[in-house]
Amino acid sequence: MKLQLNVEPGDLIQNISFHGETNADNEELKKLDNLEAMLSTAYLELLGLMLDTEDRIEYSAKQLHQRAEELLSMFNEDE
């Protein structure tokens, strides 16, 4: 049996905010840890795709490479 889920970004990323109360803010820190794990995974997926499609001649590979490169540039602080 195959299960398919349609998940939107808002389903995975909880609202993170400052409360000004230590216990509540500690819960927000846990949310940030989760967000860090998701961003790290996304970064590695994009990097892997970019490397896999580097120097490929297929049009689809070039499209994937360009899009992965564009998304990776969002992580670059210099731009």
C-alpha atoms as a PDB file:
ATOM      1  CA  MET A   1       0.000   0.000   0.000  1.00  0.00           C
ATOM      2  CA  LYS A   2       1.341   3.379  -1.000  1.00  0.00           C
ATOM      3  CA  LEU A   3       0.442   6.479   0.980  1.00  0.00           C
ATOM      4  CA  GLN A   4       0.796   9.897  -0.581  1.00  0.00           C
ATOM      5  CA  LEU A   5       0.604  13.080   1.455  1.00  0.00           C
ATOM      6  CA  ASN A   6       0.267  16.581   0.109  1.00  0.00           C
ATOM      7  CA  VAL A   7       2.224  18.803   2.468  1.00  0.00           C
ATOM      8  CA  GLU A   8       2.506  22.560   2.247  1.00  0.00           C
ATOM      9  CA  PRO A   9       5.441  24.509   3.776  1.00  0.00           C
ATOM     10  CA  GLY A  10       3.131  25.939   6.432  1.00  0.00           C
ATOM     11  CA  ASP A  11       2.338  22.398   7.550  1.00  0.00           C
ATOM     12  CA  LEU A  12       5.996  21.798   8.374  1.00  0.00           C
ATOM     13  CA  ILE A  13       7.150  25.175   9.625  1.00  0.00           C
ATOM     14  CA  GLN A  14       5.536  26.350  12.808  1.00  0.00           C
ATOM     15  CA  ASN A  15       5.126  30.022  13.572  1.00  0.00           C
ATOM     16  CA  ILE A  16       8.162  31.133  15.560  1.00  0.00           C
ATOM     17  CA  SER A  17       7.889  34.218  17.724  1.00  0.00           C
ATOM     18  CA  PHE A  18       9.243  35.956  20.794  1.00  0.00           C
ATOM     19  CA  HIS A  19       7.077  35.758  23.902  1.00  0.00           C
ATOM     20  CA  GLY A  20       9.222  37.420  26.564  1.00  0.00           C
ATOM     21  CA  GLU A  21       8.705  34.509  28.937  1.00  0.00           C
ATOM     22  CA  THR A  22      11.513  32.007  29.418  1.00  0.00           C
ATOM     23  CA  ASN A  23       9.531  28.767  29.167  1.00  0.00           C
ATOM     24  CA  ALA A  24       7.607  29.901  26.107  1.00  0.00           C
ATOM     25  CA  ASP A  25      10.761  31.209  24.436  1.00  0.00           C
ATOM     26  CA  ASN A  26      12.531  27.885  25.156  1.00  0.00           C
ATOM     27  CA  GLU A  27       9.763  26.196  23.138  1.00  0.00           C
ATOM     28  CA  GLU A  28      10.480  28.617  20.301  1.00  0.00           C
ATOM     29  CA  LEU A  29      14.157  27.609  20.446  1.00  0.00           C
ATOM     30  CA  LYS A  30      13.076  23.985  19.905  1.00  0.00           C
ATOM     31  CA  LYS A  31      11.138  25.109  16.846  1.00  0.00           C
ATOM     32  CA  LEU A  32      14.273  26.828  15.561  1.00  0.00           C
ATOM     33  CA  ASP A  33      16.230  23.584  16.011  1.00  0.00           C
ATOM     34  CA  ASN A  34      13.629  21.811  13.882  1.00  0.00           C
ATOM     35  CA  LEU A  35      13.772  24.549  11.262  1.00  0.00           C
ATOM     36  CA  GLU A  36      17.572  24.304  11.182  1.00  0.00           C
ATOM     37  CA  ALA A  37      17.349  20.568  10.503  1.00  0.00           C
ATOM     38  CA  MET A  38      14.871  21.127   7.670  1.00  0.00           C
ATOM     39  CA  LEU A  39      16.976  23.896   6.107  1.00  0.00           C
ATOM     40  CA  SER A  40      20.124  21.790   6.345  1.00  0.00           C
ATOM     41  CA  THR A  41      18.373  18.899   4.631  1.00  0.00           C
ATOM     42  CA  ALA A  42      17.034  21.180   1.900  1.00  0.00           C
ATOM     43  CA  TYR A  43      20.485  22.691   1.368  1.00  0.00           C
ATOM     44  CA  LEU A  44      22.103  19.272   1.023  1.00  0.00           C
ATOM     45  CA  GLU A  45      19.372  18.085  -1.380  1.00  0.00           C
ATOM     46  CA  LEU A  46      19.895  21.141  -3.580  1.00  0.00           C
ATOM     47  CA  LEU A  47      23.660  20.818  -3.480  1.00  0.00           C
ATOM     48  CA  GLY A  48      23.452  17.142  -4.409  1.00  0.00           C
ATOM     49  CA  LEU A  49      21.134  17.892  -7.327  1.00  0.00           C
ATOM     50  CA  MET A  50      23.387  20.670  -8.537  1.00  0.00           C
ATOM     51  CA  LEU A  51      26.434  18.408  -8.418  1.00  0.00           C
ATOM     52  CA  ASP A  52      24.572  15.529 -10.115  1.00  0.00           C
ATOM     53  CA  THR A  53      23.539  17.750 -13.013  1.00  0.00           C
ATOM     54  CA  GLU A  54      26.809  19.631 -13.399  1.00  0.00           C
ATOM     55  CA  ASP A  55      28.240  19.399 -16.918  1.00  0.00           C
ATOM     56  CA  ARG A  56      25.251  17.395 -18.186  1.00  0.00           C
ATOM     57  CA  ILE A  57      24.139  18.121 -21.743  1.00  0.00           C
ATOM     58  CA  GLU A  58      20.457  17.210 -21.392  1.00  0.00           C
ATOM     59  CA  TYR A  59      18.105  20.181 -21.400  1.00  0.00           C
ATOM     60  CA  SER A  60      16.244  18.913 -18.335  1.00  0.00           C
ATOM     61  CA  ALA A  61      19.521  18.512 -16.437  1.00  0.00           C
ATOM     62  CA  LYS A  62      20.472  22.068 -17.322  1.00  0.00           C
ATOM     63  CA  GLN A  63      17.088  23.304 -16.068  1.00  0.00           C
ATOM     64  CA  LEU A  64      17.436  21.361 -12.813  1.00  0.00           C
ATOM     65  CA  HIS A  65      20.981  22.604 -12.332  1.00  0.00           C
ATOM     66  CA  GLN A  66      20.004  26.237 -12.920  1.00  0.00           C
ATOM     67  CA  ARG A  67      17.030  26.056 -10.556  1.00  0.00           C
ATOM     68  CA  ALA A  68      19.062  24.331  -7.826  1.00  0.00           C
ATOM     69  CA  GLU A  69      21.766  26.964  -8.221  1.00  0.00           C
ATOM     70  CA  GLU A  70      19.174  29.755  -7.917  1.00  0.00           C
ATOM     71  CA  LEU A  71      17.728  28.229  -4.765  1.00  0.00           C
ATOM     72  CA  LEU A  72      21.168  27.681  -3.248  1.00  0.00           C
ATOM     73  CA  SER A  73      21.974  31.342  -3.814  1.00  0.00           C
ATOM     74  CA  MET A  74      19.266  32.174  -1.238  1.00  0.00           C
ATOM     75  CA  PHE A  75      21.584  30.651   1.389  1.00  0.00           C
ATOM     76  CA  ASN A  76      24.497  32.839   0.280  1.00  0.00           C
ATOM     77  CA  GLU A  77      24.943  35.838   2.572  1.00  0.00           C
ATOM     78  CA  ASP A  78      27.155  37.702   0.093  1.00  0.00           C
ATOM     79  CA  GLU A  79      24.345  38.402  -2.368  1.00  0.00           C
END
